[in-house]
């Protein structure tokens, strides 16, 4: 009877050991993924900073245009109120 109990206990412990090995393998693979994800976060942060710089530069140019010669004045005039009412 004691022998069977010991065999059952050994079987249960082997199952637990296999579960722990599987969990260890999963955790090791997730740790490897963390390094890749950290690099990706760093790269995306740099790209975000570059895009923010572009947006700031374009916003400043809209507020203070430097090349005014590229525009041309449109011909025509605004219609009077009477003409607008007729339409």
PDB file of N, CA and C in Angstrom:
ATOM      1  N   UNK A   1       0.847  -1.196   0.000  1.00  0.00           N
ATOM      2  CA  UNK A   1       0.000   0.000   0.000  1.00  0.00           C
ATOM      3  C   UNK A   1       0.887   1.252   0.000  1.00  0.00           C
ATOM      4  N   UNK A   2       1.891   1.246   0.832  1.00  0.00           N
ATOM      5  CA  UNK A   2       2.788   2.402   0.892  1.00  0.00           C
ATOM      6  C   UNK A   2       3.539   2.586  -0.436  1.00  0.00           C
ATOM      7  N   UNK A   3       3.892   1.488  -1.040  1.00  0.00           N
ATOM      8  CA  UNK A   3       4.605   1.527  -2.322  1.00  0.00           C
ATOM      9  C   UNK A   3       3.744   2.200  -3.398  1.00  0.00           C
ATOM     10  N   UNK A   4       2.460   1.866  -3.475  1.00  0.00           N
ATOM     11  CA  UNK A   4       1.548   2.463  -4.449  1.00  0.00           C
ATOM     12  C   UNK A   4       1.365   3.956  -4.176  1.00  0.00           C
ATOM     13  N   UNK A   5       1.276   4.287  -2.925  1.00  0.00           N
ATOM     14  CA  UNK A   5       1.150   5.709  -2.570  1.00  0.00           C
ATOM     15  C   UNK A   5       2.371   6.497  -3.061  1.00  0.00           C
ATOM     16  N   UNK A   6       3.541   5.919  -2.870  1.00  0.00           N
ATOM     17  CA  UNK A   6       4.778   6.575  -3.314  1.00  0.00           C
ATOM     18  C   UNK A   6       4.816   6.701  -4.847  1.00  0.00           C
ATOM     19  N   UNK A   7       4.353   5.653  -5.537  1.00  0.00           N
ATOM     20  CA  UNK A   7       4.316   5.707  -7.001  1.00  0.00           C
ATOM     21  C   UNK A   7       3.364   6.806  -7.487  1.00  0.00           C
ATOM     22  N   UNK A   8       2.212   6.919  -6.848  1.00  0.00           N
ATOM     23  CA  UNK A   8       1.253   7.977  -7.200  1.00  0.00           C
ATOM     24  C   UNK A   8       1.843   9.358  -6.920  1.00  0.00           C
ATOM     25  N   UNK A   9       2.532   9.465  -5.801  1.00  0.00           N
ATOM     26  CA  UNK A   9       3.144  10.741  -5.443  1.00  0.00           C
ATOM     27  C   UNK A   9       4.226  11.113  -6.470  1.00  0.00           C
ATOM     28  N   UNK A  10       5.011  10.135  -6.901  1.00  0.00           N
ATOM     29  CA  UNK A  10       6.044  10.375  -7.914  1.00  0.00           C
ATOM     30  C   UNK A  10       5.406  10.790  -9.233  1.00  0.00           C
ATOM     31  N   UNK A  11       4.313  10.150  -9.616  1.00  0.00           N
ATOM     32  CA  UNK A  11       3.614  10.491 -10.861  1.00  0.00           C
ATOM     33  C   UNK A  11       3.088  11.926 -10.810  1.00  0.00           C
ATOM     34  N   UNK A  12       2.487  12.301  -9.686  1.00  0.00           N
ATOM     35  CA  UNK A  12       1.971  13.660  -9.529  1.00  0.00           C
ATOM     36  C   UNK A  12       3.115  14.672  -9.590  1.00  0.00           C
ATOM     37  N   UNK A  13       4.221  14.368  -8.957  1.00  0.00           N
ATOM     38  CA  UNK A  13       5.357  15.284  -8.960  1.00  0.00           C
ATOM     39  C   UNK A  13       5.962  15.425 -10.361  1.00  0.00           C
ATOM     40  N   UNK A  14       5.967  14.353 -11.145  1.00  0.00           N
ATOM     41  CA  UNK A  14       6.466  14.428 -12.514  1.00  0.00           C
ATOM     42  C   UNK A  14       5.567  15.330 -13.367  1.00  0.00           C
ATOM     43  N   UNK A  15       4.260  15.199 -13.155  1.00  0.00           N
ATOM     44  CA  UNK A  15       3.313  16.048 -13.897  1.00  0.00           C
ATOM     45  C   UNK A  15       3.541  17.518 -13.542  1.00  0.00           C
ATOM     46  N   UNK A  16       3.715  17.802 -12.244  1.00  0.00           N
ATOM     47  CA  UNK A  16       3.968  19.180 -11.806  1.00  0.00           C
ATOM     48  C   UNK A  16       5.282  19.699 -12.392  1.00  0.00           C
ATOM     49  N   UNK A  17       6.294  18.834 -12.429  1.00  0.00           N
ATOM     50  CA  UNK A  17       7.583  19.217 -12.981  1.00  0.00           C
ATOM     51  C   UNK A  17       7.458  19.579 -14.470  1.00  0.00           C
ATOM     52  N   UNK A  18       6.711  18.785 -15.213  1.00  0.00           N
ATOM     53  CA  UNK A  18       6.495  19.077 -16.638  1.00  0.00           C
ATOM     54  C   UNK A  18       5.740  20.390 -16.829  1.00  0.00           C
ATOM     55  N   UNK A  19       4.743  20.638 -15.972  1.00  0.00           N
ATOM     56  CA  UNK A  19       4.014  21.903 -16.045  1.00  0.00           C
ATOM     57  C   UNK A  19       4.945  23.086 -15.784  1.00  0.00           C
ATOM     58  N   UNK A  20       5.799  22.954 -14.794  1.00  0.00           N
ATOM     59  CA  UNK A  20       6.729  24.034 -14.460  1.00  0.00           C
ATOM     60  C   UNK A  20       7.751  24.253 -15.585  1.00  0.00           C
ATOM     61  N   UNK A  21       8.189  23.176 -16.215  1.00  0.00           N
ATOM     62  CA  UNK A  21       9.116  23.315 -17.342  1.00  0.00           C
ATOM     63  C   UNK A  21       8.448  24.054 -18.495  1.00  0.00           C
ATOM     64  N   UNK A  22       7.194  23.715 -18.762  1.00  0.00           N
ATOM     65  CA  UNK A  22       6.445  24.379 -19.834  1.00  0.00           C
ATOM     66  C   UNK A  22       6.277  25.867 -19.519  1.00  0.00           C
ATOM     67  N   UNK A  23       5.940  26.172 -18.277  1.00  0.00           N
ATOM     68  CA  UNK A  23       5.765  27.565 -17.873  1.00  0.00           C
ATOM     69  C   UNK A  23       7.089  28.333 -17.991  1.00  0.00           C
ATOM     70  N   UNK A  24       8.193  27.691 -17.604  1.00  0.00           N
ATOM     71  CA  UNK A  24       9.504  28.314 -17.723  1.00  0.00           C
ATOM     72  C   UNK A  24       9.831  28.629 -19.180  1.00  0.00           C
ATOM     73  N   UNK A  25       9.539  27.699 -20.063  1.00  0.00           N
ATOM     74  CA  UNK A  25       9.789  27.919 -21.493  1.00  0.00           C
ATOM     75  C   UNK A  25       8.975  29.103 -22.011  1.00  0.00           C
ATOM     76  N   UNK A  26       7.719  29.171 -21.617  1.00  0.00           N
ATOM     77  CA  UNK A  26       6.848  30.278 -22.055  1.00  0.00           C
ATOM     78  C   UNK A  26       7.384  31.603 -21.543  1.00  0.00           C
ATOM     79  N   UNK A  27       7.807  31.640 -20.282  1.00  0.00           N
ATOM     80  CA  UNK A  27       8.319  32.886 -19.707  1.00  0.00           C
ATOM     81  C   UNK A  27       9.628  33.314 -20.365  1.00  0.00           C
ATOM     82  N   UNK A  28      10.488  32.356 -20.699  1.00  0.00           N
ATOM     83  CA  UNK A  28      11.739  32.706 -21.379  1.00  0.00           C
ATOM     84  C   UNK A  28      11.464  33.304 -22.745  1.00  0.00           C
ATOM     85  N   UNK A  29      10.489  32.759 -23.465  1.00  0.00           N
ATOM     86  CA  UNK A  29      10.179  33.311 -24.784  1.00  0.00           C
ATOM     87  C   UNK A  29       9.573  34.710 -24.662  1.00  0.00           C
ATOM     88  N   UNK A  30       8.794  34.945 -23.606  1.00  0.00           N
ATOM     89  CA  UNK A  30       8.221  36.280 -23.433  1.00  0.00           C
ATOM     90  C   UNK A  30       9.296  37.296 -23.059  1.00  0.00           C
ATOM     91  N   UNK A  31      10.317  36.871 -22.325  1.00  0.00           N
ATOM     92  CA  UNK A  31      11.419  37.773 -21.985  1.00  0.00           C
ATOM     93  C   UNK A  31      12.176  38.163 -23.251  1.00  0.00           C
ATOM     94  N   UNK A  32      12.362  37.243 -24.156  1.00  0.00           N
ATOM     95  CA  UNK A  32      13.025  37.565 -25.424  1.00  0.00           C
ATOM     96  C   UNK A  32      12.194  38.573 -26.210  1.00  0.00           C
ATOM     97  N   UNK A  33      10.883  38.443 -26.151  1.00  0.00           N
ATOM     98  CA  UNK A  33      10.009  39.386 -26.859  1.00  0.00           C
ATOM     99  C   UNK A  33      10.081  40.777 -26.245  1.00  0.00           C
ATOM    100  N   UNK A  34      10.347  40.867 -24.961  1.00  0.00           N
ATOM    101  CA  UNK A  34      10.391  42.165 -24.291  1.00  0.00           C
ATOM    102  C   UNK A  34      11.515  43.017 -24.871  1.00  0.00           C
ATOM    103  N   UNK A  35      12.672  42.411 -25.141  1.00  0.00           N
ATOM    104  CA  UNK A  35      13.775  43.168 -25.719  1.00  0.00           C
ATOM    105  C   UNK A  35      13.393  43.740 -27.081  1.00  0.00           C
ATOM    106  N   UNK A  36      12.746  42.927 -27.902  1.00  0.00           N
ATOM    107  CA  UNK A  36      12.307  43.393 -29.223  1.00  0.00           C
ATOM    108  C   UNK A  36      11.306  44.533 -29.067  1.00  0.00           C
ATOM    109  N   UNK A  37      10.384  44.374 -28.142  1.00  0.00           N
ATOM    110  CA  UNK A  37       9.363  45.406 -27.939  1.00  0.00           C
ATOM    111  C   UNK A  37       9.972  46.702 -27.411  1.00  0.00           C
ATOM    112  N   UNK A  38      10.985  46.605 -26.549  1.00  0.00           N
ATOM    113  CA  UNK A  38      11.654  47.814 -26.047  1.00  0.00           C
ATOM    114  C   UNK A  38      12.324  48.576 -27.180  1.00  0.00           C
ATOM    115  N   UNK A  39      12.979  47.829 -28.089  1.00  0.00           N
ATOM    116  CA  UNK A  39      13.610  48.481 -29.230  1.00  0.00           C
ATOM    117  C   UNK A  39      12.565  49.160 -30.105  1.00  0.00           C
ATOM    118  N   UNK A  40      11.441  48.476 -30.302  1.00  0.00           N
ATOM    119  CA  UNK A  40      10.380  49.052 -31.138  1.00  0.00           C
ATOM    120  C   UNK A  40       9.794  50.314 -30.500  1.00  0.00           C
ATOM    121  N   UNK A  41       9.614  50.298 -29.190  1.00  0.00           N
ATOM    122  CA  UNK A  41       9.095  51.477 -28.490  1.00  0.00           C
ATOM    123  C   UNK A  41      10.065  52.646 -28.644  1.00  0.00           C
ATOM    124  N   UNK A  42      11.368  52.370 -28.521  1.00  0.00           N
ATOM    125  CA  UNK A  42      12.373  53.421 -28.664  1.00  0.00           C
ATOM    126  C   UNK A  42      12.345  54.009 -30.076  1.00  0.00           C
ATOM    127  N   UNK A  43      12.269  53.140 -31.077  1.00  0.00           N
ATOM    128  CA  UNK A  43      12.237  53.600 -32.468  1.00  0.00           C
ATOM    129  C   UNK A  43      10.980  54.425 -32.733  1.00  0.00           C
ATOM    130  N   UNK A  44       9.830  53.945 -32.242  1.00  0.00           N
ATOM    131  CA  UNK A  44       8.583  54.687 -32.463  1.00  0.00           C
ATOM    132  C   UNK A  44       8.606  56.034 -31.748  1.00  0.00           C
ATOM    133  N   UNK A  45       9.265  56.081 -30.588  1.00  0.00           N
ATOM    134  CA  UNK A  45       9.400  57.354 -29.879  1.00  0.00           C
ATOM    135  C   UNK A  45      10.207  58.357 -30.683  1.00  0.00           C
ATOM    136  N   UNK A  46      11.294  57.871 -31.313  1.00  0.00           N
ATOM    137  CA  UNK A  46      12.095  58.767 -32.152  1.00  0.00           C
ATOM    138  C   UNK A  46      11.296  59.253 -33.360  1.00  0.00           C
ATOM    139  N   UNK A  47      10.532  58.342 -33.985  1.00  0.00           N
ATOM    140  CA  UNK A  47       9.710  58.741 -35.131  1.00  0.00           C
ATOM    141  C   UNK A  47       8.663  59.771 -34.719  1.00  0.00           C
ATOM    142  N   UNK A  48       8.074  59.572 -33.549  1.00  0.00           N
ATOM    143  CA  UNK A  48       7.076  60.521 -33.057  1.00  0.00           C
ATOM    144  C   UNK A  48       7.699  61.894 -32.849  1.00  0.00           C
ATOM    145  N   UNK A  49       8.903  61.930 -32.296  1.00  0.00           N
ATOM    146  CA  UNK A  49       9.588  63.199 -32.090  1.00  0.00           C
ATOM    147  C   UNK A  49       9.869  63.895 -33.422  1.00  0.00           C
ATOM    148  N   UNK A  50      10.290  63.123 -34.424  1.00  0.00           N
ATOM    149  CA  UNK A  50      10.539  63.699 -35.747  1.00  0.00           C
ATOM    150  C   UNK A  50       9.259  64.274 -36.349  1.00  0.00           C
ATOM    151  N   UNK A  51       8.168  63.531 -36.225  1.00  0.00           N
ATOM    152  CA  UNK A  51       6.896  64.000 -36.789  1.00  0.00           C
ATOM    153  C   UNK A  51       6.411  65.255 -36.062  1.00  0.00           C
ATOM    154  N   UNK A  52       6.594  65.298 -34.748  1.00  0.00           N
ATOM    155  CA  UNK A  52       6.203  66.504 -33.998  1.00  0.00           C
ATOM    156  C   UNK A  52       7.026  67.706 -34.443  1.00  0.00           C
ATOM    157  N   UNK A  53       8.316  67.469 -34.713  1.00  0.00           N
ATOM    158  CA  UNK A  53       9.174  68.554 -35.195  1.00  0.00           C
ATOM    159  C   UNK A  53       8.685  69.048 -36.552  1.00  0.00           C
ATOM    160  N   UNK A  54       8.317  68.118 -37.436  1.00  0.00           N
ATOM    161  CA  UNK A  54       7.791  68.511 -38.751  1.00  0.00           C
ATOM    162  C   UNK A  54       6.521  69.334 -38.606  1.00  0.00           C
ATOM    163  N   UNK A  55       5.627  68.876 -37.735  1.00  0.00           N
ATOM    164  CA  UNK A  55       4.354  69.579 -37.540  1.00  0.00           C
ATOM    165  C   UNK A  55       4.606  70.988 -37.025  1.00  0.00           C
ATOM    166  N   UNK A  56       5.542  71.118 -36.091  1.00  0.00           N
ATOM    167  CA  UNK A  56       5.849  72.438 -35.533  1.00  0.00           C
ATOM    168  C   UNK A  56       6.406  73.360 -36.616  1.00  0.00           C
ATOM    169  N   UNK A  57       7.320  72.812 -37.448  1.00  0.00           N
ATOM    170  CA  UNK A  57       7.910  73.633 -38.514  1.00  0.00           C
ATOM    171  C   UNK A  57       6.846  74.067 -39.520  1.00  0.00           C
ATOM    172  N   UNK A  58       5.964  73.135 -39.898  1.00  0.00           N
ATOM    173  CA  UNK A  58       4.915  73.491 -40.867  1.00  0.00           C
ATOM    174  C   UNK A  58       3.928  74.491 -40.277  1.00  0.00           C
ATOM    175  N   UNK A  59       3.616  74.344 -38.999  1.00  0.00           N
ATOM    176  CA  UNK A  59       2.705  75.297 -38.356  1.00  0.00           C
ATOM    177  C   UNK A  59       3.317  76.688 -38.319  1.00  0.00           C
ATOM    178  N   UNK A  60       4.611  76.758 -38.004  1.00  0.00           N
ATOM    179  CA  UNK A  60       5.273  78.065 -37.975  1.00  0.00           C
ATOM    180  C   UNK A  60       5.318  78.688 -39.361  1.00  0.00           C
ATOM    181  N   UNK A  61       5.519  77.867 -40.393  1.00  0.00           N
ATOM    182  CA  UNK A  61       5.546  78.418 -41.748  1.00  0.00           C
ATOM    183  C   UNK A  61       4.173  78.935 -42.153  1.00  0.00           C
ATOM    184  N   UNK A  62       3.121  78.239 -41.713  1.00  0.00           N
ATOM    185  CA  UNK A  62       1.777  78.744 -42.029  1.00  0.00           C
ATOM    186  C   UNK A  62       1.526  80.090 -41.358  1.00  0.00           C
ATOM    187  N   UNK A  63       2.029  80.232 -40.134  1.00  0.00           N
ATOM    188  CA  UNK A  63       1.818  81.487 -39.430  1.00  0.00           C
ATOM    189  C   UNK A  63       2.665  82.612 -40.018  1.00  0.00           C
ATOM    190  N   UNK A  64       3.884  82.290 -40.432  1.00  0.00           N
ATOM    191  CA  UNK A  64       4.802  83.296 -40.983  1.00  0.00           C
ATOM    192  C   UNK A  64       5.371  82.791 -42.305  1.00  0.00           C
ATOM    193  N   UNK A  65       4.631  82.938 -43.395  1.00  0.00           N
ATOM    194  CA  UNK A  65       5.122  82.413 -44.681  1.00  0.00           C
ATOM    195  C   UNK A  65       6.366  83.176 -45.140  1.00  0.00           C
ATOM    196  N   UNK A  66       7.354  82.422 -45.611  1.00  0.00           N
ATOM    197  CA  UNK A  66       8.607  83.036 -46.049  1.00  0.00           C
ATOM    198  C   UNK A  66       8.608  83.318 -47.553  1.00  0.00           C
ATOM    199  N   UNK A  67       8.009  82.481 -48.340  1.00  0.00           N
ATOM    200  CA  UNK A  67       8.051  82.618 -49.796  1.00  0.00           C
ATOM    201  C   UNK A  67       6.723  83.180 -50.288  1.00  0.00           C
ATOM    202  N   UNK A  68       6.572  84.495 -50.216  1.00  0.00           N
ATOM    203  CA  UNK A  68       5.304  85.111 -50.609  1.00  0.00           C
ATOM    204  C   UNK A  68       5.191  85.254 -52.119  1.00  0.00           C
ATOM    205  N   UNK A  69       6.297  85.086 -52.853  1.00  0.00           N
ATOM    206  CA  UNK A  69       6.266  85.273 -54.301  1.00  0.00           C
ATOM    207  C   UNK A  69       5.625  84.097 -55.031  1.00  0.00           C
ATOM    208  N   UNK A  70       5.405  83.016 -54.364  1.00  0.00           N
ATOM    209  CA  UNK A  70       4.811  81.878 -55.065  1.00  0.00           C
ATOM    210  C   UNK A  70       3.294  82.007 -55.212  1.00  0.00           C
ATOM    211  N   UNK A  71       2.733  82.972 -54.531  1.00  0.00           N
ATOM    212  CA  UNK A  71       1.293  83.160 -54.631  1.00  0.00           C
ATOM    213  C   UNK A  71       0.988  84.239 -55.653  1.00  0.00           C
ATOM    214  N   UNK A  72      -0.193  84.168 -56.236  1.00  0.00           N
ATOM    215  CA  UNK A  72      -0.623  85.223 -57.151  1.00  0.00           C
ATOM    216  C   UNK A  72      -1.976  85.732 -56.669  1.00  0.00           C
ATOM    217  N   UNK A  73      -2.223  86.957 -56.934  1.00  0.00           N
ATOM    218  CA  UNK A  73      -3.476  87.559 -56.515  1.00  0.00           C
ATOM    219  C   UNK A  73      -4.567  87.147 -57.485  1.00  0.00           C
ATOM    220  N   UNK A  74      -5.697  86.735 -56.957  1.00  0.00           N
ATOM    221  CA  UNK A  74      -6.814  86.334 -57.808  1.00  0.00           C
ATOM    222  C   UNK A  74      -7.541  87.554 -58.339  1.00  0.00           C
ATOM    223  N   UNK A  75      -7.901  87.474 -59.598  1.00  0.00           N
ATOM    224  CA  UNK A  75      -8.642  88.582 -60.215  1.00  0.00           C
ATOM    225  C   UNK A  75     -10.111  88.466 -59.818  1.00  0.00           C
ATOM    226  N   UNK A  76     -10.768  89.587 -59.805  1.00  0.00           N
ATOM    227  CA  UNK A  76     -12.196  89.582 -59.517  1.00  0.00           C
ATOM    228  C   UNK A  76     -12.495  90.406 -58.291  1.00  0.00           C
ATOM    229  N   UNK A  77     -13.766  90.504 -58.009  1.00  0.00           N
ATOM    230  CA  UNK A  77     -14.179  91.292 -56.854  1.00  0.00           C
ATOM    231  C   UNK A  77     -15.311  90.565 -56.154  1.00  0.00           C
ATOM    232  N   UNK A  78     -15.569  90.988 -54.946  1.00  0.00           N
ATOM    233  CA  UNK A  78     -16.667  90.393 -54.197  1.00  0.00           C
ATOM    234  C   UNK A  78     -17.978  90.963 -54.703  1.00  0.00           C
ATOM    235  N   UNK A  79     -18.978  90.126 -54.887  1.00  0.00           N
ATOM    236  CA  UNK A  79     -20.276  90.651 -55.350  1.00  0.00           C
ATOM    237  C   UNK A  79     -20.928  91.476 -54.239  1.00  0.00           C
ATOM    238  N   UNK A  80     -21.676  92.435 -54.677  1.00  0.00           N
ATOM    239  CA  UNK A  80     -22.342  93.286 -53.685  1.00  0.00           C
ATOM    240  C   UNK A  80     -23.496  92.524 -53.030  1.00  0.00           C
ATOM    241  N   UNK A  81     -24.014  93.076 -51.975  1.00  0.00           N
ATOM    242  CA  UNK A  81     -25.113  92.437 -51.253  1.00  0.00           C
ATOM    243  C   UNK A  81     -26.327  92.292 -52.153  1.00  0.00           C
ATOM    244  N   UNK A  82     -26.587  93.308 -52.986  1.00  0.00           N
ATOM    245  CA  UNK A  82     -27.735  93.251 -53.875  1.00  0.00           C
ATOM    246  C   UNK A  82     -27.612  92.093 -54.856  1.00  0.00           C
ATOM    247  N   UNK A  83     -26.416  91.891 -55.430  1.00  0.00           N
ATOM    248  CA  UNK A  83     -26.210  90.786 -56.364  1.00  0.00           C
ATOM    249  C   UNK A  83     -26.378  89.430 -55.666  1.00  0.00           C
ATOM    250  N   UNK A  84     -25.949  89.340 -54.423  1.00  0.00           N
ATOM    251  CA  UNK A  84     -26.083  88.107 -53.672  1.00  0.00           C
ATOM    252  C   UNK A  84     -27.552  87.778 -53.417  1.00  0.00           C
ATOM    253  N   UNK A  85     -28.327  88.801 -53.115  1.00  0.00           N
ATOM    254  CA  UNK A  85     -29.748  88.582 -52.865  1.00  0.00           C
ATOM    255  C   UNK A  85     -30.460  88.145 -54.132  1.00  0.00           C
ATOM    256  N   UNK A  86     -30.052  88.678 -55.281  1.00  0.00           N
ATOM    257  CA  UNK A  86     -30.683  88.302 -56.531  1.00  0.00           C
ATOM    258  C   UNK A  86     -30.454  86.828 -56.866  1.00  0.00           C
ATOM    259  N   UNK A  87     -29.334  86.300 -56.500  1.00  0.00           N
ATOM    260  CA  UNK A  87     -29.048  84.900 -56.784  1.00  0.00           C
ATOM    261  C   UNK A  87     -29.846  84.051 -55.834  1.00  0.00           C
TER     262      UNK A  87
END
